[in-house]
Amino acid sequence: MRVRPRLFLFIGFATLTTAGACEASRRSTFGGVDDTTSAGGTSSATTTTAGGAGPATTGEGGFNLAGSGGSTGSGTVGASGPDDDSDKDGFTANTGDCNDCDANVNPNAVEVVGGDGAGGGGGGVPVDENCDGTVDEEPATCDAMLALDSNDPMDAARAVDLCKVSTGPKDWGVIVANWVSVDGSLPPPSANYPLGHGMLSAFGPNVKVQRGARMLGLSSGTARQPSDPGYQSVNGFSKGFTMNHPMGFPKESPSCGVSVTGQARDGAAVELKIRVPSNAHGLKFDFDFYSFEWPNYVCSMFNDFFVAILWPIPMGQTDGNISFDKIGNPVSVNNALVEVCGCPSGPPCIAGGKNFPCALGTSELLGTGFGAELAFSDHGATSWLATQAPVEPGSEISIRWGTYDSGDGLLDSTTLIDNWQWIATPGTKVGTDPVPDPE
């Protein structure tokens, strides 16, 4: 098993002063590349990094702090009147602001936990960003007791470690969650629809939850592993309903020539409306896409998709889909991100006229229904990938994750989603990359 290193960066302590005015921040500004990641939750549990070079920082709700400064706090606390809002963050001392000289420190901020033991590149020390009276409390998970077949869409948020529920306009967290069709409309009135979502504890013996005890599964078949109750074979189970493609879809792969994607079918999706912490500039989550359509139906009408639709649409995007490969292709059976695969004559493998290196082999297909030991031949998956995108601090966003068949509903695809994180670095760009060292 690949074990992710656990790193913490202790940074950005706010020292109380008796001055009557706010001092200028002595902390280094945000900068550098996004080389640190963290886990999600609310207040008290072990965190894990999502890979990448450099030290990791973590915090309440999952905080990924990149750059030279370490904490989002300034390291300076100034005295102001109990009803003053000197830093214009919407909070005063009387409404809970414990540092009215720093807009990154207030009750609507997410706590940042650090850990290289050397004061963090900017030379700071720990800060109580969320003003709860505790410095650097570790984030909690909230998915240990989730039922596999839960129909509560808030459990989808809990399964991906997005635990905090917003109580109002100045309190970050999940506002509402809904099961939906992949285009965001109401789900079909089919008894089979709930089979498409599940709170999974594993996916075969080699694919682990990335944080906590559960991860969200979304499937055009059943969001189950073969050992789970309710599982139906991914080779031939149709749920029998159609739906519209999401806005901007279907998207054809340029390398597939004239192939045209068919009718969207059998999809499952969840949409979360979320208030963003006042010190968060981006979001990040992990996912792992599996498809039985690979290899026989690459570059055909049977082009199954995973979508991650963010609203407001990030600047520069033509639609809200934020998960795609380096040349802009969405996540589908045609995607170059498929690296967990195999064939009798390879790897590499040729499918649909395209070359797939299959660099990660087939071990992550075992026990999932997508591997040769159950399906008589190996099919395809991406392994764990991480998508990130910018958000506006303190704003409201929605994200919709969905997986669906195209053309027909017979051969199924499943996506695992886990490890929600917030990013502190301004200038976060939309992108998807492999998780270097998944659990």
Protein backbone atom coordinates (compact mmCIF):
# COMPACT_ATOMS: atom_id res chain seq x y z
CA MET A 1 0.00 0.00 0.00
CA ARG A 2 1.26 3.45 -0.84
CA VAL A 3 1.23 5.59 2.28
CA ARG A 4 0.96 9.34 2.01
CA PRO A 5 3.40 11.28 4.25
CA ARG A 6 1.80 13.35 6.98
CA LEU A 7 3.29 16.83 7.12
CA PHE A 8 2.36 19.91 9.13
CA LEU A 9 3.66 23.44 8.89
CA PHE A 10 3.57 25.57 12.05
CA ILE A 11 3.21 29.13 10.92
CA GLY A 12 1.74 32.54 11.49
CA PHE A 13 1.17 33.15 15.26
CA ALA A 14 -0.71 36.35 16.08
CA THR A 15 0.97 38.19 18.96
CA LEU A 16 -1.30 40.52 20.94
CA THR A 17 -0.17 44.13 21.10
CA THR A 18 -1.35 47.08 23.12
CA ALA A 19 -1.11 49.50 20.24
CA GLY A 20 -4.23 51.46 19.43
CA ALA A 21 -3.87 51.08 15.69
CA CYS A 22 -3.25 48.15 13.38
CA GLU A 23 0.35 47.56 12.46
CA ALA A 24 1.31 46.64 8.93
CA SER A 25 1.50 42.95 8.25
CA ARG A 26 4.95 41.46 8.75
CA ARG A 27 4.03 38.21 7.07
CA SER A 28 5.36 37.30 3.64
CA THR A 29 2.68 37.55 0.98
CA PHE A 30 1.15 34.56 -0.76
CA GLY A 31 3.25 33.26 -3.59
CA GLY A 32 4.91 30.27 -5.15
CA VAL A 33 3.38 27.20 -6.67
CA ASP A 34 0.63 25.07 -5.24
CA ASP A 35 2.91 22.47 -3.68
CA THR A 36 1.00 21.66 -0.50
CA THR A 37 -2.28 19.99 0.21
CA SER A 38 -4.43 19.09 3.15
CA ALA A 39 -7.51 17.30 4.33
CA GLY A 40 -11.05 18.44 5.05
CA GLY A 41 -13.33 18.49 8.04
CA THR A 42 -14.44 20.66 10.91
CA SER A 43 -12.40 20.47 14.05
CA SER A 44 -10.47 17.44 15.24
CA ALA A 45 -8.96 14.56 13.31
CA THR A 46 -5.80 13.34 11.64
CA THR A 47 -5.06 14.96 8.28
CA THR A 48 -3.24 13.66 5.24
CA THR A 49 -1.49 15.39 2.38
CA ALA A 50 -2.55 14.87 -1.20
CA GLY A 51 0.97 14.68 -2.50
CA GLY A 52 3.28 17.15 -4.18
CA ALA A 53 6.61 18.62 -3.19
CA GLY A 54 7.19 20.68 -0.10
CA PRO A 55 5.53 20.89 3.30
CA ALA A 56 1.78 20.63 3.74
CA THR A 57 -0.57 22.83 5.70
CA THR A 58 -3.97 21.80 6.94
CA GLY A 59 -6.97 23.38 8.57
CA GLU A 60 -10.61 23.21 9.46
CA GLY A 61 -12.65 22.15 6.46
CA GLY A 62 -9.49 21.09 4.69
CA PHE A 63 -6.93 23.76 3.96
CA ASN A 64 -4.19 23.72 1.36
CA LEU A 65 -1.82 26.62 1.91
CA ALA A 66 0.83 27.21 -0.72
CA GLY A 67 3.43 29.94 -0.88
CA SER A 68 6.08 31.48 1.29
CA GLY A 69 3.99 32.90 4.05
CA GLY A 70 2.54 29.85 5.73
CA SER A 71 -0.53 31.08 7.63
CA THR A 72 -3.25 33.20 6.13
CA GLY A 73 -2.97 35.39 9.22
CA SER A 74 -0.64 38.37 9.27
CA GLY A 75 1.18 37.55 12.47
CA THR A 76 0.11 40.94 13.83
CA VAL A 77 -2.79 41.73 16.14
CA GLY A 78 -3.70 45.33 16.77
CA ALA A 79 -6.17 46.83 19.19
CA SER A 80 -9.29 48.53 17.86
CA GLY A 81 -12.64 49.42 19.36
CA PRO A 82 -15.11 46.61 20.16
CA ASP A 83 -17.43 47.75 17.40
CA ASP A 84 -14.74 48.70 14.89
CA ASP A 85 -14.10 46.69 11.73
CA SER A 86 -10.65 48.00 10.88
CA ASP A 87 -9.76 45.18 8.49
CA LYS A 88 -13.15 45.33 6.68
CA ASP A 89 -13.79 41.61 7.02
CA GLY A 90 -17.35 42.05 8.26
CA PHE A 91 -16.57 41.25 11.89
CA THR A 92 -15.83 43.32 14.99
CA ALA A 93 -14.47 42.30 18.36
CA ASN A 94 -18.04 42.18 19.64
CA THR A 95 -19.01 39.78 16.83
CA GLY A 96 -16.05 37.46 17.38
CA ASP A 97 -13.10 38.94 15.47
CA CYS A 98 -9.95 38.10 17.42
CA ASN A 99 -7.68 40.18 15.16
CA ASP A 100 -9.30 43.26 13.65
CA CYS A 101 -6.07 44.11 11.84
CA ASP A 102 -6.14 41.05 9.58
CA ALA A 103 -9.00 40.24 7.20
CA ASN A 104 -7.78 36.62 7.04
CA VAL A 105 -8.58 36.13 10.74
CA ASN A 106 -12.26 36.07 11.76
CA PRO A 107 -15.02 33.57 12.62
CA ASN A 108 -15.68 32.97 8.91
CA ALA A 109 -12.09 31.89 8.20
CA VAL A 110 -10.90 28.32 7.97
CA GLU A 111 -8.21 27.26 10.44
CA VAL A 112 -4.80 26.61 8.90
CA VAL A 113 -2.62 23.93 10.45
CA GLY A 114 1.05 23.84 9.50
CA GLY A 115 4.12 21.75 10.09
CA ASP A 116 7.76 21.87 9.11
CA GLY A 117 8.76 22.90 12.63
CA ALA A 118 10.88 25.74 11.26
CA GLY A 119 8.40 28.56 11.36
CA GLY A 120 7.17 28.12 7.80
CA GLY A 121 8.96 29.91 4.94
CA GLY A 122 7.80 33.34 6.11
CA GLY A 123 9.12 32.93 9.65
CA GLY A 124 5.71 33.05 11.32
CA VAL A 125 4.19 31.03 14.14
CA PRO A 126 0.68 29.55 14.58
CA VAL A 127 -2.47 31.68 14.32
CA ASP A 128 -6.05 31.11 15.44
CA GLU A 129 -7.53 32.01 12.05
CA ASN A 130 -11.13 31.10 12.90
CA CYS A 131 -11.10 32.82 16.30
CA ASP A 132 -12.45 29.82 18.21
CA GLY A 133 -9.85 30.14 20.96
CA THR A 134 -7.75 27.19 19.79
CA VAL A 135 -4.65 27.52 17.64
CA ASP A 136 -4.17 25.00 14.83
CA GLU A 137 -6.85 22.48 15.77
CA GLU A 138 -6.71 19.58 13.36
CA PRO A 139 -9.69 19.11 11.03
CA ALA A 140 -12.24 16.40 11.68
CA THR A 141 -13.73 13.80 9.44
CA CYS A 142 -17.46 13.15 9.64
CA ASP A 143 -18.03 10.02 7.57
CA ALA A 144 -17.35 7.11 9.94
CA MET A 145 -21.03 6.32 10.50
CA LEU A 146 -22.36 6.86 6.97
CA ALA A 147 -24.50 4.08 5.51
CA LEU A 148 -23.43 2.68 2.16
CA ASP A 149 -26.89 3.25 0.69
CA SER A 150 -27.68 6.60 2.34
CA ASN A 151 -30.22 8.70 0.44
CA ASP A 152 -29.29 11.89 2.31
CA PRO A 153 -27.41 14.15 -0.15
CA MET A 154 -25.69 15.87 2.80
CA ASP A 155 -23.96 12.54 3.36
CA ALA A 156 -22.33 12.99 -0.05
CA ALA A 157 -20.69 16.15 1.31
CA ARG A 158 -19.65 14.30 4.48
CA ALA A 159 -18.20 11.43 2.44
CA VAL A 160 -15.84 13.82 0.62
CA ASP A 161 -14.84 15.40 3.99
CA LEU A 162 -16.78 18.62 3.52
CA CYS A 163 -18.22 18.50 7.02
CA LYS A 164 -19.13 22.02 8.09
CA VAL A 165 -22.70 23.23 7.56
CA SER A 166 -23.26 26.96 7.08
CA THR A 167 -25.58 28.63 9.58
CA GLY A 168 -25.89 31.94 7.73
CA PRO A 169 -24.31 34.51 5.39
CA LYS A 170 -21.19 34.99 7.54
CA ASP A 171 -20.55 31.31 8.22
CA TRP A 172 -18.77 29.16 5.64
CA GLY A 173 -19.88 25.61 4.89
CA VAL A 174 -22.44 23.59 2.98
CA ILE A 175 -25.73 25.45 2.48
CA VAL A 176 -27.73 22.75 0.73
CA ALA A 177 -27.16 19.45 -1.09
CA ASN A 178 -29.36 17.71 -3.66
CA TRP A 179 -29.33 14.58 -5.76
CA VAL A 180 -29.86 15.70 -9.36
CA SER A 181 -29.58 14.63 -12.98
CA VAL A 182 -26.22 15.33 -14.59
CA ASP A 183 -27.56 18.53 -16.18
CA GLY A 184 -28.68 19.84 -12.76
CA SER A 185 -32.38 19.14 -13.23
CA LEU A 186 -34.47 16.97 -10.93
CA PRO A 187 -33.43 13.30 -10.88
CA PRO A 188 -35.54 10.84 -12.83
CA PRO A 189 -38.43 9.22 -10.90
CA SER A 190 -36.86 5.78 -11.15
CA ALA A 191 -36.40 3.27 -8.35
CA ASN A 192 -32.99 2.54 -9.88
CA TYR A 193 -31.68 6.09 -9.54
CA PRO A 194 -30.49 5.74 -5.88
CA LEU A 195 -28.34 2.75 -6.87
CA GLY A 196 -26.08 5.23 -8.66
CA HIS A 197 -24.74 6.81 -5.48
CA GLY A 198 -23.02 5.20 -2.51
CA MET A 199 -20.77 5.98 0.48
CA LEU A 200 -17.96 3.49 -0.13
CA SER A 201 -15.40 2.24 2.40
CA ALA A 202 -13.08 0.91 -0.35
CA PHE A 203 -13.10 -0.08 -4.01
CA GLY A 204 -11.53 -3.49 -4.19
CA PRO A 205 -8.48 -4.40 -2.09
CA ASN A 206 -6.12 -1.84 -3.64
CA VAL A 207 -8.14 1.39 -3.90
CA LYS A 208 -8.45 3.15 -0.57
CA VAL A 209 -10.42 6.02 0.86
CA GLN A 210 -8.20 9.10 0.60
CA ARG A 211 -9.30 10.55 3.92
CA GLY A 212 -11.63 9.49 6.69
CA ALA A 213 -13.69 6.29 6.50
CA ARG A 214 -15.82 6.79 3.36
CA MET A 215 -15.69 8.23 -0.14
CA LEU A 216 -18.50 9.16 -2.50
CA GLY A 217 -19.23 6.85 -5.41
CA LEU A 218 -21.28 7.96 -8.43
CA SER A 219 -22.08 5.40 -11.09
CA SER A 220 -24.10 4.86 -14.24
CA GLY A 221 -24.58 1.38 -12.78
CA THR A 222 -24.48 0.67 -9.05
CA ALA A 223 -22.09 2.69 -6.89
CA ARG A 224 -20.92 -0.43 -5.11
CA GLN A 225 -17.94 -2.74 -5.07
CA PRO A 226 -18.73 -6.39 -5.88
CA SER A 227 -18.59 -7.36 -2.21
CA ASP A 228 -21.24 -4.78 -1.26
CA PRO A 229 -24.97 -5.52 -0.99
CA GLY A 230 -26.91 -4.21 -3.98
CA TYR A 231 -24.03 -4.59 -6.45
CA GLN A 232 -24.95 -5.29 -10.06
CA SER A 233 -22.38 -6.24 -12.68
CA VAL A 234 -20.92 -3.28 -14.56
CA ASN A 235 -21.16 -5.48 -17.65
CA GLY A 236 -24.79 -5.27 -18.66
CA PHE A 237 -26.81 -3.49 -15.96
CA SER A 238 -29.05 -0.77 -17.43
CA LYS A 239 -31.12 1.40 -15.10
CA GLY A 240 -33.46 2.25 -17.96
CA PHE A 241 -33.67 6.04 -17.99
CA THR A 242 -32.37 8.88 -20.13
CA MET A 243 -31.41 12.48 -19.31
CA ASN A 244 -29.90 15.55 -20.90
CA HIS A 245 -26.17 16.07 -21.19
CA PRO A 246 -24.77 18.86 -18.97
CA MET A 247 -24.32 22.32 -20.51
CA GLY A 248 -21.47 22.22 -23.01
CA PHE A 249 -21.65 18.43 -23.40
CA PRO A 250 -21.18 16.07 -25.08
CA LYS A 251 -17.62 16.98 -25.97
CA GLU A 252 -15.95 14.94 -28.65
CA SER A 253 -12.27 14.02 -28.41
CA PRO A 254 -10.30 15.66 -31.26
CA SER A 255 -8.22 12.48 -31.58
CA CYS A 256 -11.36 10.39 -32.24
CA GLY A 257 -12.15 11.84 -35.64
CA VAL A 258 -15.82 11.75 -36.59
CA SER A 259 -17.21 9.74 -33.65
CA VAL A 260 -20.36 11.27 -32.12
CA THR A 261 -21.45 10.68 -28.52
CA GLY A 262 -24.91 9.20 -28.01
CA GLN A 263 -27.84 9.98 -25.68
CA ALA A 264 -27.01 10.51 -21.99
CA ARG A 265 -28.33 7.64 -19.86
CA ASP A 266 -28.42 6.24 -16.33
CA GLY A 267 -26.54 9.12 -14.72
CA ALA A 268 -26.13 9.94 -11.04
CA ALA A 269 -25.12 13.35 -9.71
CA VAL A 270 -25.02 15.45 -6.57
CA GLU A 271 -24.97 19.25 -6.38
CA LEU A 272 -23.63 21.12 -3.34
CA LYS A 273 -24.17 24.81 -2.64
CA ILE A 274 -21.36 26.10 -0.44
CA ARG A 275 -20.29 29.33 1.27
CA VAL A 276 -16.55 29.81 0.84
CA PRO A 277 -14.33 30.66 3.85
CA SER A 278 -13.18 34.27 3.97
CA ASN A 279 -9.52 33.25 3.53
CA ALA A 280 -9.93 30.61 0.78
CA HIS A 281 -9.00 31.33 -2.84
CA GLY A 282 -9.46 27.87 -4.35
CA LEU A 283 -10.89 24.40 -3.92
CA LYS A 284 -9.46 20.98 -4.56
CA PHE A 285 -10.79 17.41 -4.57
CA ASP A 286 -9.60 13.94 -5.59
CA PHE A 287 -11.40 11.59 -7.99
CA ASP A 288 -10.87 8.24 -9.71
CA PHE A 289 -12.84 7.34 -12.87
CA TYR A 290 -13.53 3.74 -14.01
CA SER A 291 -15.17 2.66 -17.27
CA PHE A 292 -16.18 -0.72 -18.66
CA GLU A 293 -16.39 0.93 -22.09
CA TRP A 294 -12.58 0.80 -22.26
CA PRO A 295 -11.09 -0.65 -24.46
CA ASN A 296 -13.77 -1.90 -26.85
CA TYR A 297 -15.72 1.36 -27.20
CA VAL A 298 -13.03 4.03 -27.20
CA CYS A 299 -13.86 6.64 -29.87
CA SER A 300 -17.42 5.46 -30.29
CA MET A 301 -20.90 6.74 -29.45
CA PHE A 302 -20.61 4.98 -26.07
CA ASN A 303 -18.55 7.75 -24.51
CA ASP A 304 -19.24 7.70 -20.76
CA PHE A 305 -18.35 10.86 -18.79
CA PHE A 306 -17.44 12.19 -15.37
CA VAL A 307 -18.23 15.89 -14.97
CA ALA A 308 -17.43 18.42 -12.23
CA ILE A 309 -19.47 21.55 -12.91
CA LEU A 310 -18.52 24.66 -10.89
CA TRP A 311 -20.62 27.81 -10.68
CA PRO A 312 -19.78 30.67 -11.06
CA ILE A 313 -17.92 29.55 -14.16
CA PRO A 314 -14.18 30.21 -13.66
CA MET A 315 -12.71 33.00 -15.75
CA GLY A 316 -11.49 31.75 -19.11
CA GLN A 317 -13.74 28.68 -19.12
CA THR A 318 -16.45 28.22 -21.74
CA ASP A 319 -18.53 26.17 -19.32
CA GLY A 320 -18.27 25.15 -15.68
CA ASN A 321 -16.56 21.77 -16.15
CA ILE A 322 -13.27 21.90 -14.22
CA SER A 323 -12.00 18.31 -14.63
CA PHE A 324 -10.18 17.70 -17.92
CA ASP A 325 -6.79 16.66 -19.26
CA LYS A 326 -3.90 18.85 -20.38
CA ILE A 327 -5.39 19.51 -23.81
CA GLY A 328 -8.88 20.23 -22.54
CA ASN A 329 -10.56 16.87 -23.10
CA PRO A 330 -13.16 16.04 -20.43
CA VAL A 331 -12.89 12.89 -18.33
CA SER A 332 -14.32 10.06 -20.41
CA VAL A 333 -13.43 6.66 -21.82
CA ASN A 334 -11.49 8.51 -24.56
CA ASN A 335 -9.35 10.50 -22.14
CA ALA A 336 -5.56 10.36 -22.03
CA LEU A 337 -5.78 10.25 -18.21
CA VAL A 338 -6.74 6.54 -18.38
CA GLU A 339 -3.57 4.87 -17.04
CA VAL A 340 -4.93 1.89 -15.07
CA CYS A 341 -5.47 -0.65 -17.85
CA GLY A 342 -4.07 -3.69 -19.57
CA CYS A 343 -4.31 -5.87 -22.65
CA PRO A 344 -3.03 -9.30 -23.75
CA SER A 345 -0.31 -7.81 -25.97
CA GLY A 346 0.74 -4.90 -23.78
CA PRO A 347 1.14 -2.43 -22.30
CA PRO A 348 1.08 -0.19 -24.19
CA CYS A 349 -2.41 -0.93 -25.48
CA ILE A 350 -4.21 0.23 -28.60
CA ALA A 351 -7.91 1.02 -28.17
CA GLY A 352 -10.09 2.86 -30.67
CA GLY A 353 -6.99 3.63 -32.71
CA LYS A 354 -5.43 5.44 -29.74
CA ASN A 355 -2.31 4.47 -27.82
CA PHE A 356 -2.67 4.02 -24.05
CA PRO A 357 0.58 3.53 -22.08
CA CYS A 358 -1.31 1.87 -19.18
CA ALA A 359 1.62 2.89 -16.99
CA LEU A 360 -0.13 2.01 -13.71
CA GLY A 361 -0.95 -1.58 -14.65
CA THR A 362 -4.10 -3.37 -13.56
CA SER A 363 -3.82 -3.83 -9.78
CA GLU A 364 -6.36 -1.05 -9.09
CA LEU A 365 -8.95 -2.93 -11.15
CA LEU A 366 -8.91 -6.01 -8.89
CA GLY A 367 -12.07 -6.55 -6.91
CA THR A 368 -13.89 -3.61 -8.54
CA GLY A 369 -15.79 -5.43 -11.29
CA PHE A 370 -13.62 -3.73 -13.91
CA GLY A 371 -10.75 -6.25 -13.73
CA ALA A 372 -10.09 -9.48 -15.62
CA GLU A 373 -10.66 -11.72 -12.60
CA LEU A 374 -14.36 -10.81 -12.62
CA ALA A 375 -14.90 -9.38 -16.11
CA PHE A 376 -12.70 -11.84 -18.13
CA SER A 377 -10.68 -8.91 -19.49
CA ASP A 378 -9.24 -5.73 -18.04
CA HIS A 379 -11.02 -2.44 -18.49
CA GLY A 380 -9.83 1.10 -17.66
CA ALA A 381 -9.45 3.68 -14.87
CA THR A 382 -7.53 6.88 -14.24
CA SER A 383 -6.29 6.20 -10.68
CA TRP A 384 -6.55 9.12 -8.25
CA LEU A 385 -6.46 12.58 -9.81
CA ALA A 386 -6.78 15.99 -8.14
CA THR A 387 -8.78 18.85 -9.65
CA GLN A 388 -8.41 22.42 -8.42
CA ALA A 389 -10.18 25.66 -9.33
CA PRO A 390 -10.32 29.28 -8.10
CA VAL A 391 -13.05 30.63 -5.84
CA GLU A 392 -13.79 34.07 -4.45
CA PRO A 393 -13.28 34.33 -0.67
CA GLY A 394 -16.59 34.65 1.17
CA SER A 395 -18.69 33.93 -1.94
CA GLU A 396 -21.33 31.29 -2.65
CA ILE A 397 -20.49 28.54 -5.12
CA SER A 398 -22.09 25.34 -6.32
CA ILE A 399 -20.38 22.20 -7.54
CA ARG A 400 -22.06 19.32 -9.32
CA TRP A 401 -20.37 15.95 -9.70
CA GLY A 402 -21.93 13.44 -12.08
CA THR A 403 -21.21 10.20 -13.93
CA TYR A 404 -23.26 8.87 -16.83
CA ASP A 405 -23.46 6.47 -19.77
CA SER A 406 -23.77 7.58 -23.38
CA GLY A 407 -25.40 5.73 -26.25
CA ASP A 408 -26.86 2.97 -24.11
CA GLY A 409 -26.92 2.03 -20.43
CA LEU A 410 -25.41 -1.45 -20.66
CA LEU A 411 -21.71 -1.00 -19.88
CA ASP A 412 -21.18 1.15 -16.82
CA SER A 413 -18.76 3.73 -15.44
CA THR A 414 -18.08 4.68 -11.82
CA THR A 415 -16.31 7.65 -10.23
CA LEU A 416 -14.92 7.85 -6.70
CA ILE A 417 -14.66 11.32 -5.08
CA ASP A 418 -12.92 12.22 -1.80
CA ASN A 419 -10.59 14.56 0.11
CA TRP A 420 -12.15 18.03 -0.31
CA GLN A 421 -9.68 20.84 0.42
CA TRP A 422 -9.56 24.63 0.45
CA ILE A 423 -6.60 26.48 -1.13
CA ALA A 424 -5.24 29.69 0.40
CA THR A 425 -3.14 30.79 -2.56
CA PRO A 426 -4.52 33.65 -4.68
CA GLY A 427 -4.24 33.00 -8.40
CA THR A 428 -5.28 29.34 -8.29
CA LYS A 429 -5.76 28.00 -11.83
CA VAL A 430 -8.17 25.35 -13.07
CA GLY A 431 -6.36 22.07 -13.60
CA THR A 432 -6.26 18.32 -13.02
CA ASP A 433 -3.14 16.31 -12.18
CA PRO A 434 -2.34 12.83 -10.87
CA VAL A 435 -2.14 12.49 -7.09
CA PRO A 436 1.54 11.57 -6.67
CA ASP A 437 1.19 9.30 -3.65
CA PRO A 438 -2.42 8.26 -2.98
CA GLU A 439 -3.43 6.19 0.00
